[in-house]
Amino acid sequence: MPPAVSEWSNLILRWMHVLAGIFWIGQTYYFTKLEGRMALDEEAARTAGRTPQVWMVHSGSFSVVDKQTSPNCYRRHCIGSAGRR
């Protein structure tokens, strides 16, 4: 492999590794925050008889995150009838 190609590939792979580390750490903080917000709403939801949920704003869009205790809802809503056997 020519030295120029080796240097450029080394540079690109190092920066990809740095960015992957930054994304990984950011995602860890995001899910830690999400779990903390869920824990705050869990007691109030239990007394009201509903599932815990958190409203979040990201990039100008609003998201509702629901906490589920079983994967049955995933199969029914996301996969649809094609995933049933």
PDB file of N, CA and C in Angstrom:
ATOM      1  N   MET A   1       0.855  -1.164   0.000  1.00  0.00           N
ATOM      2  CA  MET A   1       0.000   0.000   0.000  1.00  0.00           C
ATOM      3  C   MET A   1       0.908   1.237   0.000  1.00  0.00           C
ATOM      4  N   PRO A   2       0.638   2.179  -0.875  1.00  0.00           N
ATOM      5  CA  PRO A   2       1.445   3.400  -0.919  1.00  0.00           C
ATOM      6  C   PRO A   2       1.335   4.172   0.402  1.00  0.00           C
ATOM      7  N   PRO A   3       2.398   4.858   0.792  1.00  0.00           N
ATOM      8  CA  PRO A   3       2.384   5.576   2.068  1.00  0.00           C
ATOM      9  C   PRO A   3       1.283   6.648   2.154  1.00  0.00           C
ATOM     10  N   ALA A   4       0.976   7.314   1.067  1.00  0.00           N
ATOM     11  CA  ALA A   4      -0.055   8.356   1.101  1.00  0.00           C
ATOM     12  C   ALA A   4      -1.432   7.747   1.402  1.00  0.00           C
ATOM     13  N   VAL A   5      -1.728   6.617   0.791  1.00  0.00           N
ATOM     14  CA  VAL A   5      -3.010   5.952   1.029  1.00  0.00           C
ATOM     15  C   VAL A   5      -3.074   5.448   2.468  1.00  0.00           C
ATOM     16  N   SER A   6      -1.973   4.925   2.943  1.00  0.00           N
ATOM     17  CA  SER A   6      -1.918   4.436   4.318  1.00  0.00           C
ATOM     18  C   SER A   6      -2.139   5.569   5.318  1.00  0.00           C
ATOM     19  N   GLU A   7      -1.525   6.705   5.078  1.00  0.00           N
ATOM     20  CA  GLU A   7      -1.698   7.847   5.980  1.00  0.00           C
ATOM     21  C   GLU A   7      -3.134   8.360   5.971  1.00  0.00           C
ATOM     22  N   TRP A   8      -3.723   8.493   4.785  1.00  0.00           N
ATOM     23  CA  TRP A   8      -5.101   8.988   4.710  1.00  0.00           C
ATOM     24  C   TRP A   8      -6.086   8.002   5.344  1.00  0.00           C
ATOM     25  N   SER A   9      -5.905   6.723   5.094  1.00  0.00           N
ATOM     26  CA  SER A   9      -6.815   5.744   5.695  1.00  0.00           C
ATOM     27  C   SER A   9      -6.650   5.728   7.214  1.00  0.00           C
ATOM     28  N   ASN A  10      -5.407   5.887   7.687  1.00  0.00           N
ATOM     29  CA  ASN A  10      -5.169   5.952   9.128  1.00  0.00           C
ATOM     30  C   ASN A  10      -5.860   7.180   9.729  1.00  0.00           C
ATOM     31  N   LEU A  11      -5.762   8.309   9.068  1.00  0.00           N
ATOM     32  CA  LEU A  11      -6.393   9.537   9.550  1.00  0.00           C
ATOM     33  C   LEU A  11      -7.916   9.403   9.588  1.00  0.00           C
ATOM     34  N   ILE A  12      -8.474   8.864   8.533  1.00  0.00           N
ATOM     35  CA  ILE A  12      -9.932   8.703   8.460  1.00  0.00           C
ATOM     36  C   ILE A  12     -10.434   7.736   9.535  1.00  0.00           C
ATOM     37  N   LEU A  13      -9.726   6.623   9.705  1.00  0.00           N
ATOM     38  CA  LEU A  13     -10.152   5.659  10.716  1.00  0.00           C
ATOM     39  C   LEU A  13     -10.011   6.214  12.125  1.00  0.00           C
ATOM     40  N   ARG A  14      -8.984   6.999  12.392  1.00  0.00           N
ATOM     41  CA  ARG A  14      -8.839   7.605  13.721  1.00  0.00           C
ATOM     42  C   ARG A  14      -9.981   8.579  14.011  1.00  0.00           C
ATOM     43  N   TRP A  15     -10.344   9.416  13.040  1.00  0.00           N
ATOM     44  CA  TRP A  15     -11.427  10.366  13.261  1.00  0.00           C
ATOM     45  C   TRP A  15     -12.781   9.662  13.380  1.00  0.00           C
ATOM     46  N   MET A  16     -12.974   8.582  12.643  1.00  0.00           N
ATOM     47  CA  MET A  16     -14.206   7.812  12.792  1.00  0.00           C
ATOM     48  C   MET A  16     -14.284   7.218  14.204  1.00  0.00           C
ATOM     49  N   HIS A  17     -13.144   6.779  14.719  1.00  0.00           N
ATOM     50  CA  HIS A  17     -13.094   6.220  16.062  1.00  0.00           C
ATOM     51  C   HIS A  17     -13.391   7.299  17.117  1.00  0.00           C
ATOM     52  N   VAL A  18     -12.848   8.484  16.933  1.00  0.00           N
ATOM     53  CA  VAL A  18     -13.112   9.595  17.856  1.00  0.00           C
ATOM     54  C   VAL A  18     -14.600   9.960  17.827  1.00  0.00           C
ATOM     55  N   LEU A  19     -15.178  10.072  16.649  1.00  0.00           N
ATOM     56  CA  LEU A  19     -16.607  10.414  16.545  1.00  0.00           C
ATOM     57  C   LEU A  19     -17.486   9.317  17.138  1.00  0.00           C
ATOM     58  N   ALA A  20     -17.133   8.066  16.913  1.00  0.00           N
ATOM     59  CA  ALA A  20     -17.912   6.964  17.494  1.00  0.00           C
ATOM     60  C   ALA A  20     -17.876   7.037  19.018  1.00  0.00           C
ATOM     61  N   GLY A  21     -16.726   7.389  19.585  1.00  0.00           N
ATOM     62  CA  GLY A  21     -16.627   7.541  21.038  1.00  0.00           C
ATOM     63  C   GLY A  21     -17.482   8.683  21.546  1.00  0.00           C
ATOM     64  N   ILE A  22     -17.486   9.796  20.847  1.00  0.00           N
ATOM     65  CA  ILE A  22     -18.308  10.937  21.240  1.00  0.00           C
ATOM     66  C   ILE A  22     -19.791  10.579  21.175  1.00  0.00           C
ATOM     67  N   PHE A  23     -20.204   9.905  20.110  1.00  0.00           N
ATOM     68  CA  PHE A  23     -21.604   9.496  19.980  1.00  0.00           C
ATOM     69  C   PHE A  23     -21.984   8.512  21.080  1.00  0.00           C
ATOM     70  N   TRP A  24     -21.098   7.596  21.414  1.00  0.00           N
ATOM     71  CA  TRP A  24     -21.365   6.591  22.430  1.00  0.00           C
ATOM     72  C   TRP A  24     -21.570   7.251  23.797  1.00  0.00           C
ATOM     73  N   ILE A  25     -20.687   8.182  24.143  1.00  0.00           N
ATOM     74  CA  ILE A  25     -20.808   8.874  25.421  1.00  0.00           C
ATOM     75  C   ILE A  25     -22.080   9.725  25.454  1.00  0.00           C
ATOM     76  N   GLY A  26     -22.390  10.414  24.358  1.00  0.00           N
ATOM     77  CA  GLY A  26     -23.617  11.216  24.293  1.00  0.00           C
ATOM     78  C   GLY A  26     -24.861  10.367  24.433  1.00  0.00           C
ATOM     79  N   GLN A  27     -24.853   9.221  23.799  1.00  0.00           N
ATOM     80  CA  GLN A  27     -26.002   8.328  23.887  1.00  0.00           C
ATOM     81  C   GLN A  27     -26.166   7.786  25.309  1.00  0.00           C
ATOM     82  N   THR A  28     -25.055   7.532  25.985  1.00  0.00           N
ATOM     83  CA  THR A  28     -25.111   7.072  27.369  1.00  0.00           C
ATOM     84  C   THR A  28     -25.773   8.127  28.248  1.00  0.00           C
ATOM     85  N   TYR A  29     -25.369   9.389  28.098  1.00  0.00           N
ATOM     86  CA  TYR A  29     -25.980  10.461  28.886  1.00  0.00           C
ATOM     87  C   TYR A  29     -27.455  10.636  28.531  1.00  0.00           C
ATOM     88  N   TYR A  30     -27.800  10.495  27.253  1.00  0.00           N
ATOM     89  CA  TYR A  30     -29.196  10.641  26.832  1.00  0.00           C
ATOM     90  C   TYR A  30     -30.078   9.584  27.489  1.00  0.00           C
ATOM     91  N   PHE A  31     -29.659   8.325  27.438  1.00  0.00           N
ATOM     92  CA  PHE A  31     -30.491   7.266  28.001  1.00  0.00           C
ATOM     93  C   PHE A  31     -30.513   7.310  29.523  1.00  0.00           C
ATOM     94  N   THR A  32     -29.446   7.798  30.153  1.00  0.00           N
ATOM     95  CA  THR A  32     -29.457   7.981  31.597  1.00  0.00           C
ATOM     96  C   THR A  32     -30.467   9.056  31.978  1.00  0.00           C
ATOM     97  N   LYS A  33     -30.502  10.137  31.224  1.00  0.00           N
ATOM     98  CA  LYS A  33     -31.487  11.198  31.471  1.00  0.00           C
ATOM     99  C   LYS A  33     -32.904  10.680  31.244  1.00  0.00           C
ATOM    100  N   LEU A  34     -33.101   9.913  30.175  1.00  0.00           N
ATOM    101  CA  LEU A  34     -34.415   9.367  29.869  1.00  0.00           C
ATOM    102  C   LEU A  34     -34.894   8.440  30.981  1.00  0.00           C
ATOM    103  N   GLU A  35     -34.016   7.587  31.475  1.00  0.00           N
ATOM    104  CA  GLU A  35     -34.389   6.668  32.549  1.00  0.00           C
ATOM    105  C   GLU A  35     -34.715   7.428  33.838  1.00  0.00           C
ATOM    106  N   GLY A  36     -33.976   8.494  34.106  1.00  0.00           N
ATOM    107  CA  GLY A  36     -34.266   9.315  35.278  1.00  0.00           C
ATOM    108  C   GLY A  36     -35.617  10.004  35.182  1.00  0.00           C
ATOM    109  N   ARG A  37     -35.941  10.504  33.996  1.00  0.00           N
ATOM    110  CA  ARG A  37     -37.250  11.146  33.797  1.00  0.00           C
ATOM    111  C   ARG A  37     -38.382  10.124  33.914  1.00  0.00           C
ATOM    112  N   MET A  38     -38.134   8.904  33.419  1.00  0.00           N
ATOM    113  CA  MET A  38     -39.141   7.842  33.543  1.00  0.00           C
ATOM    114  C   MET A  38     -39.373   7.492  35.003  1.00  0.00           C
ATOM    115  N   ALA A  39     -38.320   7.456  35.785  1.00  0.00           N
ATOM    116  CA  ALA A  39     -38.443   7.119  37.201  1.00  0.00           C
ATOM    117  C   ALA A  39     -39.276   8.173  37.931  1.00  0.00           C
ATOM    118  N   LEU A  40     -39.150   9.438  37.545  1.00  0.00           N
ATOM    119  CA  LEU A  40     -39.946  10.494  38.169  1.00  0.00           C
ATOM    120  C   LEU A  40     -41.436  10.332  37.865  1.00  0.00           C
ATOM    121  N   ASP A  41     -41.765   9.914  36.658  1.00  0.00           N
ATOM    122  CA  ASP A  41     -43.166   9.795  36.252  1.00  0.00           C
ATOM    123  C   ASP A  41     -43.771   8.452  36.639  1.00  0.00           C
ATOM    124  N   GLU A  42     -42.930   7.492  37.010  1.00  0.00           N
ATOM    125  CA  GLU A  42     -43.436   6.148  37.262  1.00  0.00           C
ATOM    126  C   GLU A  42     -44.407   6.104  38.450  1.00  0.00           C
ATOM    127  N   GLU A  43     -44.083   6.776  39.519  1.00  0.00           N
ATOM    128  CA  GLU A  43     -44.957   6.777  40.697  1.00  0.00           C
ATOM    129  C   GLU A  43     -46.280   7.483  40.406  1.00  0.00           C
ATOM    130  N   ALA A  44     -46.227   8.614  39.735  1.00  0.00           N
ATOM    131  CA  ALA A  44     -47.452   9.341  39.392  1.00  0.00           C
ATOM    132  C   ALA A  44     -48.314   8.526  38.432  1.00  0.00           C
ATOM    133  N   ALA A  45     -47.693   7.835  37.516  1.00  0.00           N
ATOM    134  CA  ALA A  45     -48.454   7.015  36.567  1.00  0.00           C
ATOM    135  C   ALA A  45     -49.085   5.823  37.265  1.00  0.00           C
ATOM    136  N   ARG A  46     -48.385   5.254  38.215  1.00  0.00           N
ATOM    137  CA  ARG A  46     -48.925   4.099  38.941  1.00  0.00           C
ATOM    138  C   ARG A  46     -50.176   4.485  39.725  1.00  0.00           C
ATOM    139  N   THR A  47     -50.164   5.664  40.355  1.00  0.00           N
ATOM    140  CA  THR A  47     -51.342   6.088  41.116  1.00  0.00           C
ATOM    141  C   THR A  47     -52.496   6.493  40.202  1.00  0.00           C
ATOM    142  N   ALA A  48     -52.185   6.978  38.987  1.00  0.00           N
ATOM    143  CA  ALA A  48     -53.229   7.381  38.043  1.00  0.00           C
ATOM    144  C   ALA A  48     -53.725   6.221  37.185  1.00  0.00           C
ATOM    145  N   GLY A  49     -53.043   5.081  37.228  1.00  0.00           N
ATOM    146  CA  GLY A  49     -53.468   3.920  36.451  1.00  0.00           C
ATOM    147  C   GLY A  49     -53.107   4.005  34.979  1.00  0.00           C
ATOM    148  N   ARG A  50     -52.012   4.648  34.645  1.00  0.00           N
ATOM    149  CA  ARG A  50     -51.571   4.736  33.250  1.00  0.00           C
ATOM    150  C   ARG A  50     -50.120   4.303  33.142  1.00  0.00           C
ATOM    151  N   THR A  51     -49.642   4.146  31.911  1.00  0.00           N
ATOM    152  CA  THR A  51     -48.240   3.775  31.716  1.00  0.00           C
ATOM    153  C   THR A  51     -47.367   5.023  31.805  1.00  0.00           C
ATOM    154  N   PRO A  52     -46.165   4.892  32.360  1.00  0.00           N
ATOM    155  CA  PRO A  52     -45.263   6.054  32.449  1.00  0.00           C
ATOM    156  C   PRO A  52     -44.855   6.527  31.054  1.00  0.00           C
ATOM    157  N   GLN A  53     -44.798   7.844  30.878  1.00  0.00           N
ATOM    158  CA  GLN A  53     -44.363   8.400  29.606  1.00  0.00           C
ATOM    159  C   GLN A  53     -43.657   9.723  29.837  1.00  0.00           C
ATOM    160  N   VAL A  54     -42.772  10.051  28.910  1.00  0.00           N
ATOM    161  CA  VAL A  54     -41.982  11.275  28.989  1.00  0.00           C
ATOM    162  C   VAL A  54     -42.133  12.013  27.668  1.00  0.00           C
ATOM    163  N   TRP A  55     -42.385  13.322  27.749  1.00  0.00           N
ATOM    164  CA  TRP A  55     -42.414  14.170  26.556  1.00  0.00           C
ATOM    165  C   TRP A  55     -41.026  14.745  26.356  1.00  0.00           C
ATOM    166  N   MET A  56     -40.500  14.660  25.141  1.00  0.00           N
ATOM    167  CA  MET A  56     -39.173  15.179  24.854  1.00  0.00           C
ATOM    168  C   MET A  56     -39.223  16.039  23.594  1.00  0.00           C
ATOM    169  N   VAL A  57     -38.371  17.049  23.539  1.00  0.00           N
ATOM    170  CA  VAL A  57     -38.248  17.915  22.370  1.00  0.00           C
ATOM    171  C   VAL A  57     -36.831  17.762  21.838  1.00  0.00           C
ATOM    172  N   HIS A  58     -36.720  17.442  20.543  1.00  0.00           N
ATOM    173  CA  HIS A  58     -35.415  17.302  19.922  1.00  0.00           C
ATOM    174  C   HIS A  58     -35.509  17.783  18.475  1.00  0.00           C
ATOM    175  N   SER A  59     -34.688  18.712  18.114  1.00  0.00           N
ATOM    176  CA  SER A  59     -34.618  19.249  16.745  1.00  0.00           C
ATOM    177  C   SER A  59     -35.969  19.780  16.259  1.00  0.00           C
ATOM    178  N   GLY A  60     -36.716  20.378  17.150  1.00  0.00           N
ATOM    179  CA  GLY A  60     -37.986  20.970  16.752  1.00  0.00           C
ATOM    180  C   GLY A  60     -39.136  19.996  16.665  1.00  0.00           C
ATOM    181  N   SER A  61     -38.927  18.741  17.024  1.00  0.00           N
ATOM    182  CA  SER A  61     -40.032  17.785  17.002  1.00  0.00           C
ATOM    183  C   SER A  61     -40.313  17.312  18.423  1.00  0.00           C
ATOM    184  N   PHE A  62     -41.551  16.968  18.678  1.00  0.00           N
ATOM    185  CA  PHE A  62     -41.965  16.489  19.983  1.00  0.00           C
ATOM    186  C   PHE A  62     -42.094  14.980  19.934  1.00  0.00           C
ATOM    187  N   SER A  63     -41.616  14.317  20.964  1.00  0.00           N
ATOM    188  CA  SER A  63     -41.679  12.860  21.033  1.00  0.00           C
ATOM    189  C   SER A  63     -42.266  12.449  22.370  1.00  0.00           C
ATOM    190  N   VAL A  64     -43.065  11.394  22.345  1.00  0.00           N
ATOM    191  CA  VAL A  64     -43.588  10.804  23.568  1.00  0.00           C
ATOM    192  C   VAL A  64     -42.960   9.427  23.685  1.00  0.00           C
ATOM    193  N   VAL A  65     -42.305   9.183  24.815  1.00  0.00           N
ATOM    194  CA  VAL A  65     -41.661   7.903  25.063  1.00  0.00           C
ATOM    195  C   VAL A  65     -42.472   7.183  26.130  1.00  0.00           C
ATOM    196  N   ASP A  66     -42.998   5.991  25.804  1.00  0.00           N
ATOM    197  CA  ASP A  66     -43.766   5.181  26.754  1.00  0.00           C
ATOM    198  C   ASP A  66     -42.901   4.046  27.263  1.00  0.00           C
ATOM    199  N   LYS A  67     -43.063   3.717  28.538  1.00  0.00           N
ATOM    200  CA  LYS A  67     -42.356   2.580  29.106  1.00  0.00           C
ATOM    201  C   LYS A  67     -43.254   1.368  29.007  1.00  0.00           C
ATOM    202  N   GLN A  68     -42.749   0.296  28.406  1.00  0.00           N
ATOM    203  CA  GLN A  68     -43.518  -0.929  28.240  1.00  0.00           C
ATOM    204  C   GLN A  68     -42.857  -2.037  29.045  1.00  0.00           C
ATOM    205  N   THR A  69     -43.668  -2.960  29.521  1.00  0.00           N
ATOM    206  CA  THR A  69     -43.132  -4.058  30.320  1.00  0.00           C
ATOM    207  C   THR A  69     -42.995  -5.353  29.536  1.00  0.00           C
ATOM    208  N   SER A  70     -43.552  -5.415  28.336  1.00  0.00           N
ATOM    209  CA  SER A  70     -43.439  -6.640  27.536  1.00  0.00           C
ATOM    210  C   SER A  70     -43.314  -6.267  26.060  1.00  0.00           C
ATOM    211  N   PRO A  71     -42.693  -7.139  25.260  1.00  0.00           N
ATOM    212  CA  PRO A  71     -42.517  -6.840  23.841  1.00  0.00           C
ATOM    213  C   PRO A  71     -43.738  -7.152  22.981  1.00  0.00           C
ATOM    214  N   ASN A  72     -44.866  -7.538  23.552  1.00  0.00           N
ATOM    215  CA  ASN A  72     -46.059  -7.867  22.769  1.00  0.00           C
ATOM    216  C   ASN A  72     -46.557  -6.678  21.968  1.00  0.00           C
ATOM    217  N   CYS A  73     -46.463  -5.484  22.511  1.00  0.00           N
ATOM    218  CA  CYS A  73     -46.918  -4.286  21.814  1.00  0.00           C
ATOM    219  C   CYS A  73     -46.068  -4.048  20.564  1.00  0.00           C
ATOM    220  N   TYR A  74     -44.787  -4.356  20.641  1.00  0.00           N
ATOM    221  CA  TYR A  74     -43.905  -4.179  19.493  1.00  0.00           C
ATOM    222  C   TYR A  74     -44.349  -5.048  18.333  1.00  0.00           C
ATOM    223  N   ARG A  75     -44.622  -6.294  18.588  1.00  0.00           N
ATOM    224  CA  ARG A  75     -45.022  -7.197  17.510  1.00  0.00           C
ATOM    225  C   ARG A  75     -46.342  -6.754  16.905  1.00  0.00           C
ATOM    226  N   ARG A  76     -47.276  -6.320  17.709  1.00  0.00           N
ATOM    227  CA  ARG A  76     -48.606  -5.963  17.220  1.00  0.00           C
ATOM    228  C   ARG A  76     -48.591  -4.684  16.387  1.00  0.00           C
ATOM    229  N   HIS A  77     -47.821  -3.662  16.810  1.00  0.00           N
ATOM    230  CA  HIS A  77     -47.890  -2.364  16.142  1.00  0.00           C
ATOM    231  C   HIS A  77     -46.814  -2.166  15.073  1.00  0.00           C
ATOM    232  N   CYS A  78     -45.606  -2.603  15.328  1.00  0.00           N
ATOM    233  CA  CYS A  78     -44.517  -2.309  14.409  1.00  0.00           C
ATOM    234  C   CYS A  78     -44.389  -3.322  13.290  1.00  0.00           C
ATOM    235  N   ILE A  79     -44.531  -4.571  13.613  1.00  0.00           N
ATOM    236  CA  ILE A  79     -44.353  -5.597  12.595  1.00  0.00           C
ATOM    237  C   ILE A  79     -45.646  -5.807  11.817  1.00  0.00           C
ATOM    238  N   GLY A  80     -46.763  -5.748  12.491  1.00  0.00           N
ATOM    239  CA  GLY A  80     -48.046  -5.931  11.831  1.00  0.00           C
ATOM    240  C   GLY A  80     -48.358  -7.384  11.562  1.00  0.00           C
ATOM    241  N   SER A  81     -49.248  -7.624  10.633  1.00  0.00           N
ATOM    242  CA  SER A  81     -49.688  -8.992  10.360  1.00  0.00           C
ATOM    243  C   SER A  81     -48.618  -9.808   9.649  1.00  0.00           C
ATOM    244  N   ALA A  82     -47.654  -9.169   8.996  1.00  0.00           N
ATOM    245  CA  ALA A  82     -46.612  -9.919   8.290  1.00  0.00           C
ATOM    246  C   ALA A  82     -45.702 -10.658   9.261  1.00  0.00           C
ATOM    247  N   GLY A  83     -45.574 -10.156  10.496  1.00  0.00           N
ATOM    248  CA  GLY A  83     -44.693 -10.786  11.463  1.00  0.00           C
ATOM    249  C   GLY A  83     -45.357 -11.893  12.260  1.00  0.00           C
ATOM    250  N   ARG A  84     -46.659 -12.039  12.152  1.00  0.00           N
ATOM    251  CA  ARG A  84     -47.358 -13.090  12.897  1.00  0.00           C
ATOM    252  C   ARG A  84     -47.255 -14.412  12.158  1.00  0.00           C
ATOM    253  N   ARG A  85     -47.172 -15.453  12.945  1.00  0.00           N
ATOM    254  CA  ARG A  85     -47.059 -16.791  12.332  1.00  0.00           C
ATOM    255  C   ARG A  85     -48.281 -17.615  12.615  1.00  0.00           C
TER     256      ARG A  85
END
